[in-house]
Amino acid sequence: MQRGARRKIAATHRKARHLDQELEDYTPPFTGSEIISILSLPQGPEVGEVLQLLENMFIENGPVSKQDALDFLAEWGKGKDNSKRK
């Protein structure tokens, strides 16, 4: 194996370890109780779905600020309201 390829592989392994650590350290921007309050949701599986969406947002985009999470929740809530009306 060539030296350049080895360096690329090593760099990829370092990045993967770093991303694994970030995911391990992930703390959602809001608790389930806060989501219930913000979205006026009843306790239940929907709260877990929202928490999973926020985690996916973190995985795809990196750290998420509370404001970005609030904006996301507002849009999610609007979509939920629109689907109820149909």
N, C-alpha and C. Protein backbone atom coordinates (compact mmCIF):
# COMPACT_ATOMS: atom_id res chain seq x y z
N MET A 1 0.86 -1.18 0.00
CA MET A 1 0.00 0.00 0.00
C MET A 1 0.90 1.24 0.00
N GLN A 2 0.52 2.22 -0.77
CA GLN A 2 1.32 3.43 -0.88
C GLN A 2 1.16 4.30 0.36
N ARG A 3 2.18 5.12 0.59
CA ARG A 3 2.20 5.99 1.77
C ARG A 3 1.00 6.96 1.78
N GLY A 4 0.66 7.52 0.63
CA GLY A 4 -0.48 8.45 0.55
C GLY A 4 -1.79 7.79 0.93
N ALA A 5 -1.96 6.56 0.49
CA ALA A 5 -3.18 5.82 0.81
C ALA A 5 -3.25 5.54 2.31
N ARG A 6 -2.11 5.19 2.89
CA ARG A 6 -2.08 4.94 4.34
C ARG A 6 -2.44 6.19 5.13
N ARG A 7 -1.93 7.33 4.68
CA ARG A 7 -2.26 8.60 5.36
C ARG A 7 -3.75 8.88 5.28
N LYS A 8 -4.33 8.66 4.11
CA LYS A 8 -5.77 8.90 3.94
C LYS A 8 -6.59 7.98 4.83
N ILE A 9 -6.16 6.72 4.90
CA ILE A 9 -6.87 5.77 5.76
C ILE A 9 -6.75 6.18 7.22
N ALA A 10 -5.56 6.56 7.64
CA ALA A 10 -5.35 6.99 9.03
C ALA A 10 -6.19 8.23 9.34
N ALA A 11 -6.24 9.17 8.40
CA ALA A 11 -7.04 10.39 8.61
C ALA A 11 -8.52 10.04 8.71
N THR A 12 -8.96 9.11 7.89
CA THR A 12 -10.37 8.68 7.93
C THR A 12 -10.69 8.02 9.27
N HIS A 13 -9.78 7.21 9.77
CA HIS A 13 -9.97 6.55 11.07
C HIS A 13 -10.03 7.59 12.19
N ARG A 14 -9.15 8.60 12.14
CA ARG A 14 -9.17 9.66 13.17
C ARG A 14 -10.49 10.41 13.13
N LYS A 15 -10.94 10.74 11.92
CA LYS A 15 -12.21 11.46 11.79
C LYS A 15 -13.37 10.62 12.31
N ALA A 16 -13.36 9.34 12.00
CA ALA A 16 -14.43 8.45 12.47
C ALA A 16 -14.44 8.38 14.00
N ARG A 17 -13.25 8.29 14.62
CA ARG A 17 -13.19 8.27 16.08
C ARG A 17 -13.71 9.57 16.66
N HIS A 18 -13.37 10.70 16.02
CA HIS A 18 -13.84 12.01 16.48
C HIS A 18 -15.37 12.09 16.38
N LEU A 19 -15.92 11.64 15.26
CA LEU A 19 -17.37 11.68 15.08
C LEU A 19 -18.07 10.75 16.07
N ASP A 20 -17.48 9.59 16.31
CA ASP A 20 -18.05 8.67 17.32
C ASP A 20 -18.09 9.35 18.68
N GLN A 21 -17.03 10.06 19.04
CA GLN A 21 -16.97 10.75 20.33
C GLN A 21 -18.01 11.86 20.39
N GLU A 22 -18.16 12.61 19.29
CA GLU A 22 -19.18 13.68 19.27
C GLU A 22 -20.57 13.09 19.48
N LEU A 23 -20.85 11.99 18.81
CA LEU A 23 -22.17 11.36 18.95
C LEU A 23 -22.36 10.83 20.36
N GLU A 24 -21.30 10.28 20.94
CA GLU A 24 -21.38 9.79 22.31
C GLU A 24 -21.67 10.93 23.29
N ASP A 25 -21.10 12.10 23.00
CA ASP A 25 -21.26 13.27 23.87
C ASP A 25 -22.54 14.06 23.58
N TYR A 26 -23.31 13.62 22.59
CA TYR A 26 -24.50 14.36 22.16
C TYR A 26 -25.49 14.51 23.30
N THR A 27 -25.95 15.73 23.48
CA THR A 27 -27.02 16.03 24.42
C THR A 27 -28.08 16.80 23.62
N PRO A 28 -29.31 16.32 23.58
CA PRO A 28 -30.33 17.04 22.81
C PRO A 28 -30.49 18.46 23.32
N PRO A 29 -30.83 19.39 22.42
CA PRO A 29 -31.00 20.78 22.85
C PRO A 29 -32.17 20.95 23.82
N PHE A 30 -33.12 20.03 23.80
CA PHE A 30 -34.28 20.09 24.70
C PHE A 30 -34.57 18.71 25.26
N THR A 31 -35.10 18.69 26.45
CA THR A 31 -35.55 17.43 27.05
C THR A 31 -36.94 17.10 26.51
N GLY A 32 -37.38 15.89 26.78
CA GLY A 32 -38.73 15.51 26.39
C GLY A 32 -39.78 16.40 27.03
N SER A 33 -39.57 16.77 28.29
CA SER A 33 -40.51 17.65 28.99
C SER A 33 -40.58 19.02 28.32
N GLU A 34 -39.42 19.53 27.90
CA GLU A 34 -39.41 20.83 27.22
C GLU A 34 -40.11 20.76 25.88
N ILE A 35 -39.92 19.65 25.16
CA ILE A 35 -40.60 19.48 23.87
C ILE A 35 -42.11 19.42 24.07
N ILE A 36 -42.55 18.72 25.11
CA ILE A 36 -43.98 18.64 25.42
C ILE A 36 -44.52 20.05 25.65
N SER A 37 -43.79 20.86 26.37
CA SER A 37 -44.21 22.23 26.67
C SER A 37 -44.18 23.11 25.42
N ILE A 38 -43.10 23.06 24.67
CA ILE A 38 -42.94 23.92 23.50
C ILE A 38 -44.00 23.61 22.45
N LEU A 39 -44.25 22.32 22.21
CA LEU A 39 -45.16 21.92 21.14
C LEU A 39 -46.57 21.60 21.62
N SER A 40 -46.80 21.71 22.93
CA SER A 40 -48.10 21.36 23.52
C SER A 40 -48.52 19.94 23.12
N LEU A 41 -47.56 19.03 23.25
CA LEU A 41 -47.83 17.62 22.92
C LEU A 41 -48.19 16.86 24.18
N PRO A 42 -49.00 15.83 24.05
CA PRO A 42 -49.21 14.94 25.19
C PRO A 42 -47.98 14.03 25.32
N GLN A 43 -47.78 13.47 26.51
CA GLN A 43 -46.71 12.49 26.67
C GLN A 43 -47.00 11.32 25.75
N GLY A 44 -45.97 10.77 25.17
CA GLY A 44 -46.18 9.62 24.29
C GLY A 44 -45.05 9.47 23.29
N PRO A 45 -45.23 8.53 22.37
CA PRO A 45 -44.17 8.21 21.42
C PRO A 45 -43.80 9.36 20.48
N GLU A 46 -44.72 10.27 20.27
CA GLU A 46 -44.43 11.40 19.38
C GLU A 46 -43.28 12.25 19.92
N VAL A 47 -43.18 12.37 21.22
CA VAL A 47 -42.08 13.12 21.85
C VAL A 47 -40.75 12.44 21.52
N GLY A 48 -40.72 11.13 21.60
CA GLY A 48 -39.52 10.37 21.24
C GLY A 48 -39.16 10.55 19.78
N GLU A 49 -40.18 10.62 18.92
CA GLU A 49 -39.94 10.84 17.49
C GLU A 49 -39.27 12.20 17.27
N VAL A 50 -39.75 13.21 17.99
CA VAL A 50 -39.16 14.55 17.86
C VAL A 50 -37.72 14.54 18.35
N LEU A 51 -37.47 13.88 19.47
CA LEU A 51 -36.10 13.78 19.97
C LEU A 51 -35.20 13.08 18.95
N GLN A 52 -35.73 12.05 18.29
CA GLN A 52 -34.96 11.34 17.27
C GLN A 52 -34.68 12.26 16.08
N LEU A 53 -35.66 13.07 15.70
CA LEU A 53 -35.45 14.02 14.60
C LEU A 53 -34.35 15.02 14.94
N LEU A 54 -34.33 15.49 16.19
CA LEU A 54 -33.27 16.41 16.61
C LEU A 54 -31.91 15.73 16.60
N GLU A 55 -31.87 14.46 17.00
CA GLU A 55 -30.60 13.73 16.95
C GLU A 55 -30.13 13.55 15.50
N ASN A 56 -31.07 13.23 14.62
CA ASN A 56 -30.72 13.11 13.20
C ASN A 56 -30.20 14.43 12.64
N MET A 57 -30.80 15.52 13.08
CA MET A 57 -30.35 16.85 12.66
C MET A 57 -28.90 17.05 13.09
N PHE A 58 -28.57 16.64 14.31
CA PHE A 58 -27.21 16.73 14.83
C PHE A 58 -26.26 15.87 14.00
N ILE A 59 -26.67 14.65 13.70
CA ILE A 59 -25.82 13.73 12.93
C ILE A 59 -25.53 14.30 11.55
N GLU A 60 -26.55 14.88 10.93
CA GLU A 60 -26.40 15.39 9.57
C GLU A 60 -25.66 16.73 9.51
N ASN A 61 -25.85 17.58 10.53
CA ASN A 61 -25.35 18.95 10.45
C ASN A 61 -24.34 19.35 11.52
N GLY A 62 -24.10 18.47 12.48
CA GLY A 62 -23.22 18.85 13.58
C GLY A 62 -24.02 19.50 14.70
N PRO A 63 -23.32 20.11 15.65
CA PRO A 63 -24.01 20.71 16.80
C PRO A 63 -25.14 21.67 16.37
N VAL A 64 -26.23 21.59 17.12
CA VAL A 64 -27.44 22.37 16.83
C VAL A 64 -27.67 23.34 17.98
N SER A 65 -27.80 24.62 17.66
CA SER A 65 -28.09 25.61 18.71
C SER A 65 -29.54 25.47 19.15
N LYS A 66 -29.83 26.00 20.33
CA LYS A 66 -31.22 25.98 20.82
C LYS A 66 -32.13 26.73 19.85
N GLN A 67 -31.63 27.85 19.29
CA GLN A 67 -32.46 28.63 18.37
C GLN A 67 -32.76 27.84 17.10
N ASP A 68 -31.74 27.15 16.55
CA ASP A 68 -31.97 26.32 15.36
C ASP A 68 -32.96 25.20 15.68
N ALA A 69 -32.83 24.62 16.87
CA ALA A 69 -33.75 23.56 17.27
C ALA A 69 -35.17 24.12 17.43
N LEU A 70 -35.29 25.32 18.01
CA LEU A 70 -36.62 25.95 18.14
C LEU A 70 -37.23 26.21 16.77
N ASP A 71 -36.43 26.71 15.85
CA ASP A 71 -36.92 26.96 14.48
C ASP A 71 -37.39 25.65 13.85
N PHE A 72 -36.60 24.59 14.04
CA PHE A 72 -36.97 23.29 13.50
C PHE A 72 -38.29 22.81 14.12
N LEU A 73 -38.42 22.94 15.44
CA LEU A 73 -39.65 22.52 16.11
C LEU A 73 -40.85 23.31 15.64
N ALA A 74 -40.66 24.60 15.40
CA ALA A 74 -41.75 25.44 14.91
C ALA A 74 -42.21 24.95 13.53
N GLU A 75 -41.26 24.65 12.66
CA GLU A 75 -41.61 24.15 11.32
C GLU A 75 -42.27 22.78 11.42
N TRP A 76 -41.74 21.93 12.28
CA TRP A 76 -42.31 20.60 12.46
C TRP A 76 -43.75 20.73 12.96
N GLY A 77 -43.97 21.63 13.91
CA GLY A 77 -45.32 21.84 14.45
C GLY A 77 -46.28 22.35 13.39
N LYS A 78 -45.81 23.24 12.51
CA LYS A 78 -46.67 23.74 11.42
C LYS A 78 -47.06 22.59 10.50
N GLY A 79 -46.09 21.74 10.17
CA GLY A 79 -46.38 20.59 9.29
C GLY A 79 -47.37 19.65 9.93
N LYS A 80 -47.25 19.46 11.23
CA LYS A 80 -48.17 18.60 11.97
C LYS A 80 -49.57 19.19 11.96
N ASP A 81 -49.67 20.51 12.15
CA ASP A 81 -50.97 21.17 12.12
C ASP A 81 -51.62 21.05 10.75
N ASN A 82 -50.83 21.21 9.69
CA ASN A 82 -51.36 21.11 8.33
C ASN A 82 -51.85 19.70 8.02
N SER A 83 -51.16 18.69 8.53
CA SER A 83 -51.57 17.31 8.25
C SER A 83 -52.87 16.98 8.99
N LYS A 84 -53.14 17.63 10.13
CA LYS A 84 -54.38 17.40 10.87
C LYS A 84 -55.58 17.95 10.11
N ARG A 85 -55.36 19.02 9.36
CA ARG A 85 -56.47 19.69 8.66
C ARG A 85 -56.91 18.93 7.43
N LYS A 86 -56.08 18.07 6.90
CA LYS A 86 -56.42 17.36 5.66
C LYS A 86 -57.35 16.21 5.91
